[in-house]
Amino acid sequence: MESSYRFFENRACQYFPCHKGLTDFNCLFCYCPMYLRENCPGNPSYIEKNGKKIKDCTNCTFPHRPENYDKIMQVLKGQANMPVFGDRSV
């Protein structure tokens, strides 16, 4: 797939690929912009450590799939003012 504003693959990155199983790997959202969101369309798991709930996205490839660009943008637009994951002040 060719690089564009919607897709970028960085094979020179020391962490590439950070997830397994994808042919076209989109590095555009290297750090998932939905990580701090309580509701995300990916498939995170949750672990508990020292009484705190921690989101684990190790097996989630949602932000790295090129076809999910528009879905991610919609989530970000729709959740701009929503509370973030773990925010207890709301």
PDB file of N, CA and C in Angstrom:
ATOM      1  N   MET A   1       0.854  -1.175   0.000  1.00  0.00           N
ATOM      2  CA  MET A   1       0.000   0.000   0.000  1.00  0.00           C
ATOM      3  C   MET A   1       0.899   1.238   0.000  1.00  0.00           C
ATOM      4  N   GLU A   2       0.495   2.247  -0.720  1.00  0.00           N
ATOM      5  CA  GLU A   2       1.292   3.460  -0.858  1.00  0.00           C
ATOM      6  C   GLU A   2       1.052   4.423   0.306  1.00  0.00           C
ATOM      7  N   SER A   3       2.115   5.114   0.746  1.00  0.00           N
ATOM      8  CA  SER A   3       1.999   6.079   1.842  1.00  0.00           C
ATOM      9  C   SER A   3       1.098   7.245   1.439  1.00  0.00           C
ATOM     10  N   SER A   4       0.333   7.742   2.400  1.00  0.00           N
ATOM     11  CA  SER A   4      -0.552   8.883   2.187  1.00  0.00           C
ATOM     12  C   SER A   4      -0.912   9.462   3.548  1.00  0.00           C
ATOM     13  N   TYR A   5      -1.835  10.420   3.570  1.00  0.00           N
ATOM     14  CA  TYR A   5      -2.265  10.968   4.856  1.00  0.00           C
ATOM     15  C   TYR A   5      -3.051   9.928   5.658  1.00  0.00           C
ATOM     16  N   ARG A   6      -3.495   8.854   5.011  1.00  0.00           N
ATOM     17  CA  ARG A   6      -4.276   7.802   5.660  1.00  0.00           C
ATOM     18  C   ARG A   6      -3.466   6.565   6.016  1.00  0.00           C
ATOM     19  N   PHE A   7      -2.278   6.453   5.462  1.00  0.00           N
ATOM     20  CA  PHE A   7      -1.497   5.228   5.649  1.00  0.00           C
ATOM     21  C   PHE A   7      -0.005   5.526   5.616  1.00  0.00           C
ATOM     22  N   PHE A   8       0.721   4.920   6.550  1.00  0.00           N
ATOM     23  CA  PHE A   8       2.177   5.036   6.588  1.00  0.00           C
ATOM     24  C   PHE A   8       2.726   3.776   7.237  1.00  0.00           C
ATOM     25  N   GLU A   9       3.669   3.132   6.580  1.00  0.00           N
ATOM     26  CA  GLU A   9       4.284   1.928   7.130  1.00  0.00           C
ATOM     27  C   GLU A   9       5.765   2.202   7.351  1.00  0.00           C
ATOM     28  N   ASN A  10       6.219   2.077   8.578  1.00  0.00           N
ATOM     29  CA  ASN A  10       7.609   2.378   8.927  1.00  0.00           C
ATOM     30  C   ASN A  10       8.371   1.090   9.222  1.00  0.00           C
ATOM     31  N   ARG A  11       8.858   0.460   8.185  1.00  0.00           N
ATOM     32  CA  ARG A  11       9.605  -0.793   8.350  1.00  0.00           C
ATOM     33  C   ARG A  11      10.957  -0.579   9.018  1.00  0.00           C
ATOM     34  N   ALA A  12      11.446   0.653   9.061  1.00  0.00           N
ATOM     35  CA  ALA A  12      12.732   0.945   9.696  1.00  0.00           C
ATOM     36  C   ALA A  12      12.617   1.058  11.217  1.00  0.00           C
ATOM     37  N   CYS A  13      11.408   1.101  11.732  1.00  0.00           N
ATOM     38  CA  CYS A  13      11.192   1.221  13.180  1.00  0.00           C
ATOM     39  C   CYS A  13      11.700  -0.031  13.893  1.00  0.00           C
ATOM     40  N   GLN A  14      12.367   0.167  15.001  1.00  0.00           N
ATOM     41  CA  GLN A  14      12.892  -0.975  15.759  1.00  0.00           C
ATOM     42  C   GLN A  14      11.789  -1.860  16.332  1.00  0.00           C
ATOM     43  N   TYR A  15      10.579  -1.342  16.421  1.00  0.00           N
ATOM     44  CA  TYR A  15       9.460  -2.112  16.970  1.00  0.00           C
ATOM     45  C   TYR A  15       8.565  -2.723  15.888  1.00  0.00           C
ATOM     46  N   PHE A  16       8.871  -2.471  14.623  1.00  0.00           N
ATOM     47  CA  PHE A  16       8.030  -2.966  13.529  1.00  0.00           C
ATOM     48  C   PHE A  16       8.202  -4.456  13.335  1.00  0.00           C
ATOM     49  N   PRO A  17       7.127  -5.172  13.193  1.00  0.00           N
ATOM     50  CA  PRO A  17       5.756  -4.781  13.513  1.00  0.00           C
ATOM     51  C   PRO A  17       5.494  -4.975  15.004  1.00  0.00           C
ATOM     52  N   CYS A  18       4.759  -4.077  15.592  1.00  0.00           N
ATOM     53  CA  CYS A  18       4.479  -4.188  17.026  1.00  0.00           C
ATOM     54  C   CYS A  18       3.357  -5.191  17.297  1.00  0.00           C
ATOM     55  N   HIS A  19       2.616  -5.563  16.270  1.00  0.00           N
ATOM     56  CA  HIS A  19       1.577  -6.591  16.353  1.00  0.00           C
ATOM     57  C   HIS A  19       1.770  -7.530  15.172  1.00  0.00           C
ATOM     58  N   LYS A  20       1.421  -8.763  15.335  1.00  0.00           N
ATOM     59  CA  LYS A  20       1.580  -9.772  14.280  1.00  0.00           C
ATOM     60  C   LYS A  20       0.275  -9.985  13.507  1.00  0.00           C
ATOM     61  N   GLY A  21       0.412 -10.501  12.292  1.00  0.00           N
ATOM     62  CA  GLY A  21      -0.749 -10.956  11.548  1.00  0.00           C
ATOM     63  C   GLY A  21      -1.333 -10.010  10.517  1.00  0.00           C
ATOM     64  N   LEU A  22      -0.686  -8.887  10.224  1.00  0.00           N
ATOM     65  CA  LEU A  22      -1.224  -7.961   9.236  1.00  0.00           C
ATOM     66  C   LEU A  22      -0.310  -7.885   8.017  1.00  0.00           C
ATOM     67  N   THR A  23      -0.903  -7.854   6.836  1.00  0.00           N
ATOM     68  CA  THR A  23      -0.128  -7.700   5.609  1.00  0.00           C
ATOM     69  C   THR A  23       0.204  -6.234   5.387  1.00  0.00           C
ATOM     70  N   ASP A  24      -0.819  -5.373   5.377  1.00  0.00           N
ATOM     71  CA  ASP A  24      -0.632  -3.921   5.287  1.00  0.00           C
ATOM     72  C   ASP A  24      -0.730  -3.373   6.701  1.00  0.00           C
ATOM     73  N   PHE A  25       0.393  -2.909   7.226  1.00  0.00           N
ATOM     74  CA  PHE A  25       0.470  -2.480   8.619  1.00  0.00           C
ATOM     75  C   PHE A  25       0.554  -0.961   8.672  1.00  0.00           C
ATOM     76  N   ASN A  26      -0.478  -0.303   9.165  1.00  0.00           N
ATOM     77  CA  ASN A  26      -0.520   1.150   9.218  1.00  0.00           C
ATOM     78  C   ASN A  26       0.117   1.655  10.511  1.00  0.00           C
ATOM     79  N   CYS A  27       1.233   2.346  10.376  1.00  0.00           N
ATOM     80  CA  CYS A  27       1.947   2.904  11.531  1.00  0.00           C
ATOM     81  C   CYS A  27       1.486   4.326  11.852  1.00  0.00           C
ATOM     82  N   LEU A  28       0.529   4.841  11.097  1.00  0.00           N
ATOM     83  CA  LEU A  28       0.054   6.205  11.298  1.00  0.00           C
ATOM     84  C   LEU A  28      -0.394   6.432  12.740  1.00  0.00           C
ATOM     85  N   PHE A  29      -1.079   5.456  13.305  1.00  0.00           N
ATOM     86  CA  PHE A  29      -1.524   5.552  14.693  1.00  0.00           C
ATOM     87  C   PHE A  29      -0.639   4.658  15.558  1.00  0.00           C
ATOM     88  N   CYS A  30       0.646   4.910  15.510  1.00  0.00           N
ATOM     89  CA  CYS A  30       1.629   4.114  16.259  1.00  0.00           C
ATOM     90  C   CYS A  30       1.215   4.023  17.725  1.00  0.00           C
ATOM     91  N   TYR A  31       0.963   5.155  18.327  1.00  0.00           N
ATOM     92  CA  TYR A  31       0.388   5.194  19.672  1.00  0.00           C
ATOM     93  C   TYR A  31      -1.106   5.341  19.460  1.00  0.00           C
ATOM     94  N   CYS A  32      -1.865   4.381  19.867  1.00  0.00           N
ATOM     95  CA  CYS A  32      -3.299   4.383  19.595  1.00  0.00           C
ATOM     96  C   CYS A  32      -3.978   5.616  20.198  1.00  0.00           C
ATOM     97  N   PRO A  33      -4.620   6.436  19.370  1.00  0.00           N
ATOM     98  CA  PRO A  33      -5.291   7.634  19.883  1.00  0.00           C
ATOM     99  C   PRO A  33      -6.525   7.309  20.714  1.00  0.00           C
ATOM    100  N   MET A  34      -6.922   6.054  20.740  1.00  0.00           N
ATOM    101  CA  MET A  34      -8.103   5.661  21.510  1.00  0.00           C
ATOM    102  C   MET A  34      -7.733   4.969  22.813  1.00  0.00           C
ATOM    103  N   TYR A  35      -6.450   4.862  23.092  1.00  0.00           N
ATOM    104  CA  TYR A  35      -6.008   4.137  24.287  1.00  0.00           C
ATOM    105  C   TYR A  35      -6.651   4.685  25.560  1.00  0.00           C
ATOM    106  N   LEU A  36      -6.722   5.982  25.679  1.00  0.00           N
ATOM    107  CA  LEU A  36      -7.274   6.581  26.893  1.00  0.00           C
ATOM    108  C   LEU A  36      -8.802   6.648  26.896  1.00  0.00           C
ATOM    109  N   ARG A  37      -9.432   6.265  25.820  1.00  0.00           N
ATOM    110  CA  ARG A  37     -10.891   6.305  25.746  1.00  0.00           C
ATOM    111  C   ARG A  37     -11.506   5.079  26.406  1.00  0.00           C
ATOM    112  N   GLU A  38     -12.528   5.308  27.175  1.00  0.00           N
ATOM    113  CA  GLU A  38     -13.234   4.216  27.853  1.00  0.00           C
ATOM    114  C   GLU A  38     -13.834   3.249  26.832  1.00  0.00           C
ATOM    115  N   ASN A  39     -14.437   3.805  25.791  1.00  0.00           N
ATOM    116  CA  ASN A  39     -15.057   2.988  24.744  1.00  0.00           C
ATOM    117  C   ASN A  39     -14.258   3.124  23.461  1.00  0.00           C
ATOM    118  N   CYS A  40     -13.672   2.040  23.032  1.00  0.00           N
ATOM    119  CA  CYS A  40     -12.955   2.059  21.759  1.00  0.00           C
ATOM    120  C   CYS A  40     -13.428   0.870  20.934  1.00  0.00           C
ATOM    121  N   PRO A  41     -13.343   0.958  19.615  1.00  0.00           N
ATOM    122  CA  PRO A  41     -13.834  -0.124  18.765  1.00  0.00           C
ATOM    123  C   PRO A  41     -12.870  -1.301  18.639  1.00  0.00           C
ATOM    124  N   GLY A  42     -11.716  -1.205  19.260  1.00  0.00           N
ATOM    125  CA  GLY A  42     -10.743  -2.295  19.215  1.00  0.00           C
ATOM    126  C   GLY A  42     -11.139  -3.435  20.135  1.00  0.00           C
ATOM    127  N   ASN A  43     -10.201  -4.326  20.393  1.00  0.00           N
ATOM    128  CA  ASN A  43     -10.491  -5.467  21.268  1.00  0.00           C
ATOM    129  C   ASN A  43      -9.462  -5.570  22.395  1.00  0.00           C
ATOM    130  N   PRO A  44      -9.405  -4.545  23.249  1.00  0.00           N
ATOM    131  CA  PRO A  44      -8.451  -4.613  24.352  1.00  0.00           C
ATOM    132  C   PRO A  44      -8.893  -5.620  25.409  1.00  0.00           C
ATOM    133  N   SER A  45      -7.941  -6.055  26.179  1.00  0.00           N
ATOM    134  CA  SER A  45      -8.267  -6.843  27.364  1.00  0.00           C
ATOM    135  C   SER A  45      -7.901  -5.965  28.557  1.00  0.00           C
ATOM    136  N   TYR A  46      -8.315  -6.354  29.714  1.00  0.00           N
ATOM    137  CA  TYR A  46      -8.050  -5.556  30.906  1.00  0.00           C
ATOM    138  C   TYR A  46      -7.412  -6.436  31.965  1.00  0.00           C
ATOM    139  N   ILE A  47      -6.412  -5.885  32.609  1.00  0.00           N
ATOM    140  CA  ILE A  47      -5.765  -6.584  33.711  1.00  0.00           C
ATOM    141  C   ILE A  47      -5.850  -5.692  34.936  1.00  0.00           C
ATOM    142  N   GLU A  48      -5.758  -6.289  36.084  1.00  0.00           N
ATOM    143  CA  GLU A  48      -5.790  -5.516  37.316  1.00  0.00           C
ATOM    144  C   GLU A  48      -4.454  -5.676  38.018  1.00  0.00           C
ATOM    145  N   LYS A  49      -3.913  -4.550  38.452  1.00  0.00           N
ATOM    146  CA  LYS A  49      -2.638  -4.560  39.158  1.00  0.00           C
ATOM    147  C   LYS A  49      -2.693  -3.503  40.251  1.00  0.00           C
ATOM    148  N   ASN A  50      -2.383  -3.920  41.447  1.00  0.00           N
ATOM    149  CA  ASN A  50      -2.400  -3.017  42.601  1.00  0.00           C
ATOM    150  C   ASN A  50      -3.731  -2.281  42.730  1.00  0.00           C
ATOM    151  N   GLY A  51      -4.816  -2.985  42.443  1.00  0.00           N
ATOM    152  CA  GLY A  51      -6.143  -2.400  42.580  1.00  0.00           C
ATOM    153  C   GLY A  51      -6.547  -1.474  41.447  1.00  0.00           C
ATOM    154  N   LYS A  52      -5.741  -1.381  40.390  1.00  0.00           N
ATOM    155  CA  LYS A  52      -6.060  -0.508  39.260  1.00  0.00           C
ATOM    156  C   LYS A  52      -6.319  -1.340  38.011  1.00  0.00           C
ATOM    157  N   LYS A  53      -7.292  -0.898  37.228  1.00  0.00           N
ATOM    158  CA  LYS A  53      -7.641  -1.543  35.971  1.00  0.00           C
ATOM    159  C   LYS A  53      -6.737  -0.970  34.877  1.00  0.00           C
ATOM    160  N   ILE A  54      -6.047  -1.853  34.161  1.00  0.00           N
ATOM    161  CA  ILE A  54      -5.109  -1.430  33.124  1.00  0.00           C
ATOM    162  C   ILE A  54      -5.562  -2.002  31.787  1.00  0.00           C
ATOM    163  N   LYS A  55      -5.628  -1.131  30.789  1.00  0.00           N
ATOM    164  CA  LYS A  55      -6.022  -1.547  29.444  1.00  0.00           C
ATOM    165  C   LYS A  55      -4.813  -2.167  28.750  1.00  0.00           C
ATOM    166  N   ASP A  56      -4.985  -3.363  28.225  1.00  0.00           N
ATOM    167  CA  ASP A  56      -3.904  -4.076  27.536  1.00  0.00           C
ATOM    168  C   ASP A  56      -4.293  -4.265  26.072  1.00  0.00           C
ATOM    169  N   CYS A  57      -3.590  -3.580  25.180  1.00  0.00           N
ATOM    170  CA  CYS A  57      -3.907  -3.620  23.751  1.00  0.00           C
ATOM    171  C   CYS A  57      -2.930  -4.492  22.966  1.00  0.00           C
ATOM    172  N   THR A  58      -2.235  -5.366  23.664  1.00  0.00           N
ATOM    173  CA  THR A  58      -1.232  -6.219  23.033  1.00  0.00           C
ATOM    174  C   THR A  58      -1.777  -6.976  21.829  1.00  0.00           C
ATOM    175  N   ASN A  59      -2.976  -7.489  21.917  1.00  0.00           N
ATOM    176  CA  ASN A  59      -3.546  -8.292  20.831  1.00  0.00           C
ATOM    177  C   ASN A  59      -4.524  -7.523  19.946  1.00  0.00           C
ATOM    178  N   CYS A  60      -4.545  -6.216  20.063  1.00  0.00           N
ATOM    179  CA  CYS A  60      -5.456  -5.392  19.267  1.00  0.00           C
ATOM    180  C   CYS A  60      -4.714  -4.810  18.058  1.00  0.00           C
ATOM    181  N   THR A  61      -5.243  -5.046  16.879  1.00  0.00           N
ATOM    182  CA  THR A  61      -4.641  -4.507  15.657  1.00  0.00           C
ATOM    183  C   THR A  61      -5.537  -3.458  14.995  1.00  0.00           C
ATOM    184  N   PHE A  62      -6.616  -3.081  15.642  1.00  0.00           N
ATOM    185  CA  PHE A  62      -7.592  -2.162  15.051  1.00  0.00           C
ATOM    186  C   PHE A  62      -6.956  -0.891  14.473  1.00  0.00           C
ATOM    187  N   PRO A  63      -6.129  -0.144  15.214  1.00  0.00           N
ATOM    188  CA  PRO A  63      -5.591   1.098  14.650  1.00  0.00           C
ATOM    189  C   PRO A  63      -4.550   0.873  13.555  1.00  0.00           C
ATOM    190  N   HIS A  64      -4.072  -0.334  13.397  1.00  0.00           N
ATOM    191  CA  HIS A  64      -3.051  -0.622  12.392  1.00  0.00           C
ATOM    192  C   HIS A  64      -3.629  -1.189  11.101  1.00  0.00           C
ATOM    193  N   ARG A  65      -4.930  -1.396  11.063  1.00  0.00           N
ATOM    194  CA  ARG A  65      -5.577  -1.883   9.839  1.00  0.00           C
ATOM    195  C   ARG A  65      -5.959  -0.669   8.986  1.00  0.00           C
ATOM    196  N   PRO A  66      -5.426  -0.572   7.759  1.00  0.00           N
ATOM    197  CA  PRO A  66      -5.680   0.596   6.907  1.00  0.00           C
ATOM    198  C   PRO A  66      -7.162   0.912   6.716  1.00  0.00           C
ATOM    199  N   GLU A  67      -8.004  -0.099   6.658  1.00  0.00           N
ATOM    200  CA  GLU A  67      -9.433   0.126   6.415  1.00  0.00           C
ATOM    201  C   GLU A  67     -10.140   0.778   7.603  1.00  0.00           C
ATOM    202  N   ASN A  68      -9.483   0.922   8.738  1.00  0.00           N
ATOM    203  CA  ASN A  68     -10.119   1.500   9.928  1.00  0.00           C
ATOM    204  C   ASN A  68      -9.846   2.990  10.121  1.00  0.00           C
ATOM    205  N   TYR A  69      -9.155   3.626   9.190  1.00  0.00           N
ATOM    206  CA  TYR A  69      -8.839   5.054   9.327  1.00  0.00           C
ATOM    207  C   TYR A  69     -10.099   5.890   9.577  1.00  0.00           C
ATOM    208  N   ASP A  70     -11.115   5.743   8.724  1.00  0.00           N
ATOM    209  CA  ASP A  70     -12.343   6.542   8.870  1.00  0.00           C
ATOM    210  C   ASP A  70     -13.058   6.252  10.188  1.00  0.00           C
ATOM    211  N   LYS A  71     -13.057   5.011  10.614  1.00  0.00           N
ATOM    212  CA  LYS A  71     -13.690   4.648  11.887  1.00  0.00           C
ATOM    213  C   LYS A  71     -12.981   5.330  13.056  1.00  0.00           C
ATOM    214  N   ILE A  72     -11.667   5.354  13.010  1.00  0.00           N
ATOM    215  CA  ILE A  72     -10.892   6.004  14.074  1.00  0.00           C
ATOM    216  C   ILE A  72     -11.189   7.494  14.106  1.00  0.00           C
ATOM    217  N   MET A  73     -11.237   8.122  12.941  1.00  0.00           N
ATOM    218  CA  MET A  73     -11.527   9.557  12.889  1.00  0.00           C
ATOM    219  C   MET A  73     -12.920   9.849  13.443  1.00  0.00           C
ATOM    220  N   GLN A  74     -13.896   9.007  13.147  1.00  0.00           N
ATOM    221  CA  GLN A  74     -15.248   9.188  13.676  1.00  0.00           C
ATOM    222  C   GLN A  74     -15.270   9.045  15.194  1.00  0.00           C
ATOM    223  N   VAL A  75     -14.562   8.070  15.716  1.00  0.00           N
ATOM    224  CA  VAL A  75     -14.490   7.877  17.171  1.00  0.00           C
ATOM    225  C   VAL A  75     -13.885   9.111  17.820  1.00  0.00           C
ATOM    226  N   LEU A  76     -12.805   9.612  17.263  1.00  0.00           N
ATOM    227  CA  LEU A  76     -12.133  10.777  17.850  1.00  0.00           C
ATOM    228  C   LEU A  76     -13.008  12.020  17.789  1.00  0.00           C
ATOM    229  N   LYS A  77     -13.718  12.214  16.701  1.00  0.00           N
ATOM    230  CA  LYS A  77     -14.621  13.365  16.593  1.00  0.00           C
ATOM    231  C   LYS A  77     -15.774  13.242  17.581  1.00  0.00           C
ATOM    232  N   GLY A  78     -16.315  12.053  17.723  1.00  0.00           N
ATOM    233  CA  GLY A  78     -17.465  11.828  18.594  1.00  0.00           C
ATOM    234  C   GLY A  78     -17.143  11.810  20.070  1.00  0.00           C
ATOM    235  N   GLN A  79     -15.889  11.539  20.419  1.00  0.00           N
ATOM    236  CA  GLN A  79     -15.517  11.423  21.823  1.00  0.00           C
ATOM    237  C   GLN A  79     -14.625  12.560  22.306  1.00  0.00           C
ATOM    238  N   ALA A  80     -14.569  13.618  21.560  1.00  0.00           N
ATOM    239  CA  ALA A  80     -13.668  14.716  21.904  1.00  0.00           C
ATOM    240  C   ALA A  80     -13.872  15.239  23.319  1.00  0.00           C
ATOM    241  N   ASN A  81     -15.103  15.283  23.786  1.00  0.00           N
ATOM    242  CA  ASN A  81     -15.377  15.835  25.113  1.00  0.00           C
ATOM    243  C   ASN A  81     -15.783  14.781  26.136  1.00  0.00           C
ATOM    244  N   MET A  82     -15.581  13.521  25.808  1.00  0.00           N
ATOM    245  CA  MET A  82     -15.960  12.445  26.722  1.00  0.00           C
ATOM    246  C   MET A  82     -14.822  12.145  27.692  1.00  0.00           C
ATOM    247  N   PRO A  83     -15.137  11.582  28.854  1.00  0.00           N
ATOM    248  CA  PRO A  83     -14.094  11.259  29.833  1.00  0.00           C
ATOM    249  C   PRO A  83     -13.133  10.206  29.308  1.00  0.00           C
ATOM    250  N   VAL A  84     -11.921  10.261  29.808  1.00  0.00           N
ATOM    251  CA  VAL A  84     -10.902   9.307  29.403  1.00  0.00           C
ATOM    252  C   VAL A  84     -10.886   8.124  30.357  1.00  0.00           C
ATOM    253  N   PHE A  85     -10.282   7.028  29.916  1.00  0.00           N
ATOM    254  CA  PHE A  85     -10.177   5.800  30.696  1.00  0.00           C
ATOM    255  C   PHE A  85      -9.492   6.074  32.030  1.00  0.00           C
ATOM    256  N   GLY A  86     -10.089   5.626  33.102  1.00  0.00           N
ATOM    257  CA  GLY A  86      -9.490   5.761  34.422  1.00  0.00           C
ATOM    258  C   GLY A  86      -9.692   7.112  35.082  1.00  0.00           C
ATOM    259  N   ASP A  87     -10.389   8.042  34.422  1.00  0.00           N
ATOM    260  CA  ASP A  87     -10.610   9.369  34.994  1.00  0.00           C
ATOM    261  C   ASP A  87     -11.680   9.267  36.076  1.00  0.00           C
ATOM    262  N   ARG A  88     -11.295   9.466  37.303  1.00  0.00           N
ATOM    263  CA  ARG A  88     -12.221   9.327  38.433  1.00  0.00           C
ATOM    264  C   ARG A  88     -12.900  10.652  38.803  1.00  0.00           C
ATOM    265  N   SER A  89     -12.512  11.745  38.134  1.00  0.00           N
ATOM    266  CA  SER A  89     -13.046  13.048  38.503  1.00  0.00           C
ATOM    267  C   SER A  89     -14.398  13.333  37.869  1.00  0.00           C
ATOM    268  N   VAL A  90     -14.867  12.455  36.981  1.00  0.00           N
ATOM    269  CA  VAL A  90     -16.119  12.698  36.265  1.00  0.00           C
ATOM    270  C   VAL A  90     -17.299  12.242  37.079  1.00  0.00           C
TER     271      VAL A  90
END
